[in-house]
Amino acid sequence: MFDHEKLDVYRVSVEFVEWSYHRCKGLKGLDRHARDQLLRASQSIPLNIAEGNGRLPSAERRRFQRIALGSALESAAILDVLVATKTIDSTMALEGKNLLFRIISMLTKMSSTAMEVREQVIEYGNA
């Protein structure tokens, strides 16, 4: 098992990809652009979590986590668009948004600078 597979946020994001994939199967015609965007954004979440997790704790790791966070927020907006256009009903969108809420909460916490590991600065004087 890879390290990123141990993360709850990764597992929930893969669950959201599965959820999105099954909802997108029926989107055709005018809805194909939203379908493609949702598939791309949903897949971006676990991909960026995995890639960022492969980095040492750093600004670069946080950058990947923030990209994943942005993709999760984008996915939520796409669900809003699909509800507004009556392509999916609000109950269906709420299922996806519940998963996204969990993902966004975890990624927000993970990508904050407070989660950095830092050493305390020690002043050395002449003895």
Foldseek 3Di string as FASTA:
>chain_A
DDPLVPDPLLVLLVVLLVLLVVLLVPQDDPRVVLSVLLNVLSVLQNVLQVVLVVDDPDLSSLVSLVSSLVSLVVNLVSLVVCCVVVVDPPVSSVVSVVSSVVNNVVSVVVNDPVPGDDDDDDDDDDD
